[in-house]
């Protein structure tokens, strides 16, 4: 029964819908943050802007249109508020660094690119 449903055209139409809707539903806590239309559902909006070499312009235009907080991907929020820098990047704030910082590791991790909180605290003390 289930296998026969998977081979129907309805199932083939449902796959992309579930693929794009699932990240939106998974990140329900940030659903109220405004975004350009496709950015809340898919990474393709930001990918398109990057491929055109206009990511910074598109994100800046989105901030001008929507405000200080803009959702630029289903699970990414861009913040354009200087008062938020110590809140987001300050020590002991509860936020963890993303895997973006792994790109800055050459031989070993330094203070800047350490993502582990205990290792970062140890390096800060020295």
N, C-alpha and C. Protein backbone atom coordinates (compact mmCIF):
# COMPACT_ATOMS: atom_id res chain seq x y z
N UNK A 1 0.83 -1.20 0.00
CA UNK A 1 0.00 0.00 0.00
C UNK A 1 0.86 1.25 0.00
N UNK A 2 1.80 1.33 0.96
CA UNK A 2 2.66 2.50 1.06
C UNK A 2 3.61 2.59 -0.13
N UNK A 3 4.13 1.45 -0.57
CA UNK A 3 5.03 1.44 -1.71
C UNK A 3 4.32 1.87 -2.99
N UNK A 4 3.09 1.47 -3.14
CA UNK A 4 2.34 1.89 -4.33
C UNK A 4 2.06 3.40 -4.30
N UNK A 5 1.91 3.98 -3.10
CA UNK A 5 1.72 5.43 -3.00
C UNK A 5 3.00 6.18 -3.38
N UNK A 6 4.16 5.61 -3.01
CA UNK A 6 5.43 6.28 -3.30
C UNK A 6 5.69 6.37 -4.80
N UNK A 7 5.09 5.51 -5.56
CA UNK A 7 5.31 5.52 -7.00
C UNK A 7 4.29 6.34 -7.77
N UNK A 8 3.39 7.00 -7.09
CA UNK A 8 2.38 7.82 -7.77
C UNK A 8 2.92 9.22 -8.04
N UNK A 9 2.32 9.93 -8.97
CA UNK A 9 2.74 11.31 -9.23
C UNK A 9 2.52 12.23 -8.03
N UNK A 10 1.55 11.91 -7.17
CA UNK A 10 1.30 12.74 -5.99
C UNK A 10 2.49 12.71 -5.04
N UNK A 11 3.09 11.55 -4.91
CA UNK A 11 4.26 11.43 -4.03
C UNK A 11 5.44 12.21 -4.61
N UNK A 12 5.58 12.18 -5.92
CA UNK A 12 6.66 12.92 -6.56
C UNK A 12 6.48 14.42 -6.39
N UNK A 13 5.25 14.87 -6.35
CA UNK A 13 4.99 16.29 -6.09
C UNK A 13 5.18 16.64 -4.62
N UNK A 14 4.96 15.69 -3.76
CA UNK A 14 5.06 15.95 -2.32
C UNK A 14 6.51 16.03 -1.85
N UNK A 15 7.42 15.37 -2.53
CA UNK A 15 8.82 15.35 -2.11
C UNK A 15 9.42 16.76 -2.07
N UNK A 16 9.33 17.56 -3.13
CA UNK A 16 9.88 18.92 -3.04
C UNK A 16 9.16 19.77 -2.00
N UNK A 17 7.87 19.57 -1.87
CA UNK A 17 7.12 20.34 -0.88
C UNK A 17 7.62 20.04 0.53
N UNK A 18 7.80 18.77 0.84
CA UNK A 18 8.30 18.38 2.16
C UNK A 18 9.73 18.85 2.34
N UNK A 19 10.55 18.77 1.29
CA UNK A 19 11.95 19.17 1.36
C UNK A 19 12.09 20.64 1.73
N UNK A 20 11.23 21.50 1.16
CA UNK A 20 11.33 22.92 1.44
C UNK A 20 10.52 23.35 2.65
N UNK A 21 9.49 22.62 2.98
CA UNK A 21 8.65 22.98 4.11
C UNK A 21 9.21 22.51 5.43
N UNK A 22 9.92 21.41 5.42
CA UNK A 22 10.45 20.85 6.67
C UNK A 22 11.42 21.78 7.40
N UNK A 23 12.41 22.40 6.72
CA UNK A 23 13.28 23.34 7.46
C UNK A 23 12.50 24.51 8.04
N UNK A 24 11.48 24.96 7.32
CA UNK A 24 10.66 26.07 7.83
C UNK A 24 9.93 25.66 9.10
N UNK A 25 9.38 24.48 9.12
CA UNK A 25 8.67 24.02 10.31
C UNK A 25 9.62 23.68 11.44
N UNK A 26 10.79 23.18 11.11
CA UNK A 26 11.78 22.84 12.14
C UNK A 26 12.26 24.08 12.88
N UNK A 27 12.36 25.19 12.18
CA UNK A 27 12.81 26.44 12.78
C UNK A 27 11.62 27.34 13.12
N UNK A 28 10.66 26.76 13.75
CA UNK A 28 9.42 27.47 14.08
C UNK A 28 9.69 28.68 14.97
N UNK A 29 10.73 28.64 15.79
CA UNK A 29 11.01 29.73 16.72
C UNK A 29 11.43 31.01 16.02
N UNK A 30 11.95 30.92 14.79
CA UNK A 30 12.36 32.13 14.08
C UNK A 30 11.42 32.46 12.92
N UNK A 31 10.25 31.88 12.92
CA UNK A 31 9.33 32.10 11.81
C UNK A 31 8.82 33.53 11.73
N UNK A 32 8.83 34.26 12.86
CA UNK A 32 8.31 35.63 12.87
C UNK A 32 9.33 36.65 12.36
N UNK A 33 10.56 36.23 12.15
CA UNK A 33 11.57 37.15 11.63
C UNK A 33 11.33 37.32 10.14
N UNK A 34 11.19 38.55 9.68
CA UNK A 34 10.87 38.77 8.26
C UNK A 34 12.02 38.35 7.34
N UNK A 35 11.65 38.02 6.11
CA UNK A 35 12.64 37.59 5.13
C UNK A 35 12.12 37.83 3.73
N UNK A 36 13.03 37.90 2.75
CA UNK A 36 12.58 37.86 1.37
C UNK A 36 11.84 36.54 1.15
N UNK A 37 10.86 36.53 0.30
CA UNK A 37 9.94 35.38 0.20
C UNK A 37 10.61 34.02 0.16
N UNK A 38 11.49 33.72 -0.77
CA UNK A 38 11.99 32.33 -0.80
C UNK A 38 12.99 32.01 0.31
N UNK A 39 13.56 33.02 0.96
CA UNK A 39 14.62 32.77 1.95
C UNK A 39 14.12 32.03 3.18
N UNK A 40 12.87 32.16 3.52
CA UNK A 40 12.34 31.45 4.69
C UNK A 40 12.19 29.95 4.42
N UNK A 41 12.12 29.56 3.16
CA UNK A 41 11.86 28.17 2.81
C UNK A 41 13.05 27.44 2.21
N UNK A 42 13.96 28.19 1.59
CA UNK A 42 15.03 27.53 0.84
C UNK A 42 16.32 28.36 0.89
N UNK A 43 17.44 27.69 0.68
CA UNK A 43 18.73 28.36 0.60
C UNK A 43 18.98 28.95 -0.78
N UNK A 44 18.09 28.69 -1.71
CA UNK A 44 18.31 29.09 -3.10
C UNK A 44 18.35 30.61 -3.27
N UNK A 45 17.63 31.36 -2.46
CA UNK A 45 17.66 32.82 -2.58
C UNK A 45 19.06 33.35 -2.33
N UNK A 46 19.67 32.91 -1.23
CA UNK A 46 21.02 33.37 -0.91
C UNK A 46 22.05 32.81 -1.89
N UNK A 47 21.86 31.58 -2.33
CA UNK A 47 22.75 31.00 -3.33
C UNK A 47 22.72 31.82 -4.62
N UNK A 48 21.52 32.22 -5.04
CA UNK A 48 21.37 33.03 -6.24
C UNK A 48 22.10 34.37 -6.08
N UNK A 49 21.96 34.98 -4.92
CA UNK A 49 22.63 36.27 -4.68
C UNK A 49 24.15 36.09 -4.68
N UNK A 50 24.62 35.01 -4.10
CA UNK A 50 26.07 34.73 -4.08
C UNK A 50 26.61 34.49 -5.48
N UNK A 51 25.88 33.73 -6.27
CA UNK A 51 26.33 33.42 -7.64
C UNK A 51 26.40 34.68 -8.48
N UNK A 52 25.56 35.65 -8.20
CA UNK A 52 25.59 36.92 -8.93
C UNK A 52 26.64 37.88 -8.37
N UNK A 53 27.26 37.51 -7.23
CA UNK A 53 28.25 38.38 -6.61
C UNK A 53 27.63 39.55 -5.90
N UNK A 54 26.38 39.41 -5.49
CA UNK A 54 25.64 40.52 -4.88
C UNK A 54 25.12 40.17 -3.48
N UNK A 55 25.73 39.22 -2.83
CA UNK A 55 25.20 38.81 -1.52
C UNK A 55 25.13 39.99 -0.55
N UNK A 56 26.21 40.72 -0.42
CA UNK A 56 26.23 41.82 0.53
C UNK A 56 25.22 42.90 0.17
N UNK A 57 25.01 43.14 -1.10
CA UNK A 57 24.01 44.13 -1.52
C UNK A 57 22.59 43.63 -1.24
N UNK A 58 22.35 42.35 -1.50
CA UNK A 58 21.01 41.79 -1.28
C UNK A 58 20.67 41.75 0.20
N UNK A 59 21.64 41.37 1.04
CA UNK A 59 21.38 41.32 2.48
C UNK A 59 21.19 42.73 3.02
N UNK A 60 21.98 43.69 2.54
CA UNK A 60 21.83 45.08 2.96
C UNK A 60 20.46 45.63 2.53
N UNK A 61 20.05 45.31 1.32
CA UNK A 61 18.72 45.77 0.85
C UNK A 61 17.60 45.13 1.67
N UNK A 62 17.79 43.87 2.05
CA UNK A 62 16.79 43.21 2.89
C UNK A 62 16.71 43.87 4.25
N UNK A 63 17.85 44.27 4.82
CA UNK A 63 17.84 44.96 6.11
C UNK A 63 17.15 46.32 5.99
N UNK A 64 17.38 47.01 4.89
CA UNK A 64 16.72 48.31 4.69
C UNK A 64 15.21 48.14 4.56
N UNK A 65 14.79 47.03 3.98
CA UNK A 65 13.36 46.80 3.78
C UNK A 65 12.68 46.22 5.02
N UNK A 66 13.34 45.27 5.71
CA UNK A 66 12.69 44.52 6.79
C UNK A 66 13.13 44.91 8.20
N UNK A 67 14.27 45.59 8.35
CA UNK A 67 14.70 46.00 9.68
C UNK A 67 16.01 45.35 10.10
N UNK A 68 16.26 45.38 11.41
CA UNK A 68 17.55 44.93 11.96
C UNK A 68 17.73 43.42 11.92
N UNK A 69 16.66 42.68 11.99
CA UNK A 69 16.73 41.21 11.93
C UNK A 69 16.11 40.74 10.63
N UNK A 70 16.86 39.95 9.86
CA UNK A 70 16.37 39.43 8.59
C UNK A 70 16.76 37.96 8.50
N UNK A 71 15.81 37.15 8.14
CA UNK A 71 16.06 35.72 7.92
C UNK A 71 16.53 35.56 6.48
N UNK A 72 17.79 35.13 6.31
CA UNK A 72 18.34 35.04 4.96
C UNK A 72 18.39 33.61 4.44
N UNK A 73 18.16 32.63 5.30
CA UNK A 73 18.03 31.22 4.95
C UNK A 73 17.07 30.61 5.96
N UNK A 74 16.60 29.39 5.72
CA UNK A 74 15.66 28.80 6.68
C UNK A 74 16.17 28.75 8.11
N UNK A 75 17.48 28.62 8.30
CA UNK A 75 18.00 28.54 9.66
C UNK A 75 19.11 29.56 9.92
N UNK A 76 19.13 30.67 9.17
CA UNK A 76 20.12 31.72 9.36
C UNK A 76 19.43 33.08 9.47
N UNK A 77 19.84 33.82 10.49
CA UNK A 77 19.31 35.17 10.70
C UNK A 77 20.47 36.14 10.64
N UNK A 78 20.30 37.20 9.86
CA UNK A 78 21.30 38.26 9.78
C UNK A 78 20.89 39.38 10.72
N UNK A 79 21.85 39.87 11.51
CA UNK A 79 21.59 40.93 12.49
C UNK A 79 22.40 42.15 12.09
N UNK A 80 21.74 43.29 11.94
CA UNK A 80 22.39 44.55 11.60
C UNK A 80 22.11 45.57 12.68
N UNK A 81 22.69 45.34 13.85
CA UNK A 81 22.49 46.24 14.98
C UNK A 81 23.79 46.29 15.77
N UNK A 82 24.45 47.45 15.83
CA UNK A 82 25.72 47.52 16.56
C UNK A 82 25.57 47.21 18.05
N UNK A 83 24.41 47.45 18.62
CA UNK A 83 24.19 47.14 20.04
C UNK A 83 24.12 45.64 20.30
N UNK A 84 23.91 44.85 19.25
CA UNK A 84 23.81 43.40 19.40
C UNK A 84 25.17 42.71 19.39
N UNK A 85 26.22 43.41 19.01
CA UNK A 85 27.55 42.78 18.91
C UNK A 85 28.00 42.18 20.24
N UNK A 86 27.96 42.92 21.36
CA UNK A 86 28.39 42.29 22.61
C UNK A 86 27.43 41.20 23.08
N UNK A 87 26.18 41.29 22.71
CA UNK A 87 25.20 40.27 23.12
C UNK A 87 25.47 38.97 22.37
N UNK A 88 25.72 39.06 21.08
CA UNK A 88 25.93 37.87 20.26
C UNK A 88 27.35 37.34 20.38
N UNK A 89 28.33 38.22 20.30
CA UNK A 89 29.72 37.78 20.26
C UNK A 89 30.43 37.86 21.60
N UNK A 90 29.77 38.36 22.63
CA UNK A 90 30.40 38.50 23.94
C UNK A 90 30.66 37.15 24.59
N UNK A 91 31.61 37.15 25.50
CA UNK A 91 31.98 35.91 26.19
C UNK A 91 30.88 35.52 27.18
N UNK A 92 30.54 34.24 27.22
CA UNK A 92 29.56 33.74 28.18
C UNK A 92 28.13 34.09 27.85
N UNK A 93 27.82 34.27 26.58
CA UNK A 93 26.47 34.67 26.20
C UNK A 93 25.56 33.50 25.86
N UNK A 94 26.10 32.30 25.74
CA UNK A 94 25.27 31.14 25.42
C UNK A 94 25.24 30.79 23.95
N UNK A 95 25.69 31.69 23.08
CA UNK A 95 25.72 31.40 21.65
C UNK A 95 27.00 30.63 21.32
N UNK A 96 26.90 29.66 20.44
CA UNK A 96 28.06 28.91 19.98
C UNK A 96 28.44 29.40 18.59
N UNK A 97 29.73 29.35 18.29
CA UNK A 97 30.18 29.75 16.96
C UNK A 97 29.76 28.68 15.95
N UNK A 98 29.46 29.12 14.75
CA UNK A 98 29.04 28.19 13.71
C UNK A 98 30.24 27.50 13.09
N UNK A 99 29.98 26.54 12.22
CA UNK A 99 31.07 25.83 11.54
C UNK A 99 31.79 26.71 10.53
N UNK A 100 31.30 27.91 10.31
CA UNK A 100 31.96 28.89 9.45
C UNK A 100 33.40 29.14 9.93
N UNK A 101 33.61 29.12 11.24
CA UNK A 101 34.93 29.40 11.80
C UNK A 101 35.94 28.29 11.52
N UNK A 102 35.50 27.14 11.09
CA UNK A 102 36.42 26.06 10.73
C UNK A 102 37.26 26.42 9.51
N UNK A 103 36.78 27.34 8.70
CA UNK A 103 37.52 27.75 7.51
C UNK A 103 38.80 28.50 7.87
N UNK A 104 38.90 29.02 9.09
CA UNK A 104 40.06 29.80 9.50
C UNK A 104 41.11 28.98 10.25
N UNK A 105 40.92 27.67 10.32
CA UNK A 105 41.88 26.80 10.99
C UNK A 105 42.94 26.38 9.97
N UNK A 106 44.21 26.66 10.27
CA UNK A 106 45.26 26.21 9.36
C UNK A 106 45.91 24.94 9.91
N UNK A 107 46.69 25.06 10.96
CA UNK A 107 47.33 23.88 11.55
C UNK A 107 46.62 23.50 12.85
N UNK A 108 46.41 24.48 13.71
CA UNK A 108 45.68 24.23 14.95
C UNK A 108 44.78 25.42 15.23
N UNK A 109 43.81 25.22 16.07
CA UNK A 109 42.86 26.27 16.38
C UNK A 109 43.49 27.34 17.27
N UNK A 110 43.15 28.58 16.98
CA UNK A 110 43.57 29.70 17.81
C UNK A 110 42.40 30.19 18.64
N UNK A 111 42.57 31.32 19.28
CA UNK A 111 41.50 31.87 20.11
C UNK A 111 40.29 32.27 19.26
N UNK A 112 40.56 32.83 18.09
CA UNK A 112 39.47 33.31 17.24
C UNK A 112 38.59 32.19 16.69
N UNK A 113 39.20 31.10 16.25
CA UNK A 113 38.42 30.07 15.55
C UNK A 113 38.09 28.86 16.42
N UNK A 114 38.31 28.93 17.72
CA UNK A 114 37.95 27.84 18.61
C UNK A 114 36.46 27.87 18.87
N UNK A 115 35.82 26.75 18.61
CA UNK A 115 34.36 26.67 18.78
C UNK A 115 33.96 26.03 20.09
N UNK A 116 34.83 25.25 20.68
CA UNK A 116 34.53 24.59 21.94
C UNK A 116 34.65 25.60 23.08
N UNK A 117 33.60 25.71 23.89
CA UNK A 117 33.54 26.73 24.93
C UNK A 117 34.63 26.55 25.99
N UNK A 118 34.88 25.33 26.43
CA UNK A 118 35.89 25.12 27.48
C UNK A 118 37.30 25.39 26.95
N UNK A 119 37.57 24.98 25.72
CA UNK A 119 38.88 25.25 25.13
C UNK A 119 39.07 26.75 24.93
N UNK A 120 38.03 27.43 24.50
CA UNK A 120 38.11 28.88 24.30
C UNK A 120 38.37 29.60 25.63
N UNK A 121 37.71 29.16 26.69
CA UNK A 121 37.92 29.76 28.01
C UNK A 121 39.36 29.54 28.47
N UNK A 122 39.88 28.36 28.25
CA UNK A 122 41.26 28.06 28.64
C UNK A 122 42.24 28.94 27.86
N UNK A 123 42.01 29.11 26.57
CA UNK A 123 42.89 29.93 25.76
C UNK A 123 42.79 31.41 26.13
N UNK A 124 41.62 31.85 26.52
CA UNK A 124 41.47 33.25 26.94
C UNK A 124 42.24 33.54 28.21
N UNK A 125 42.26 32.60 29.12
CA UNK A 125 42.95 32.80 30.39
C UNK A 125 44.46 32.88 30.21
N UNK A 126 45.00 32.17 29.23
CA UNK A 126 46.44 32.24 29.01
C UNK A 126 46.76 33.50 28.24
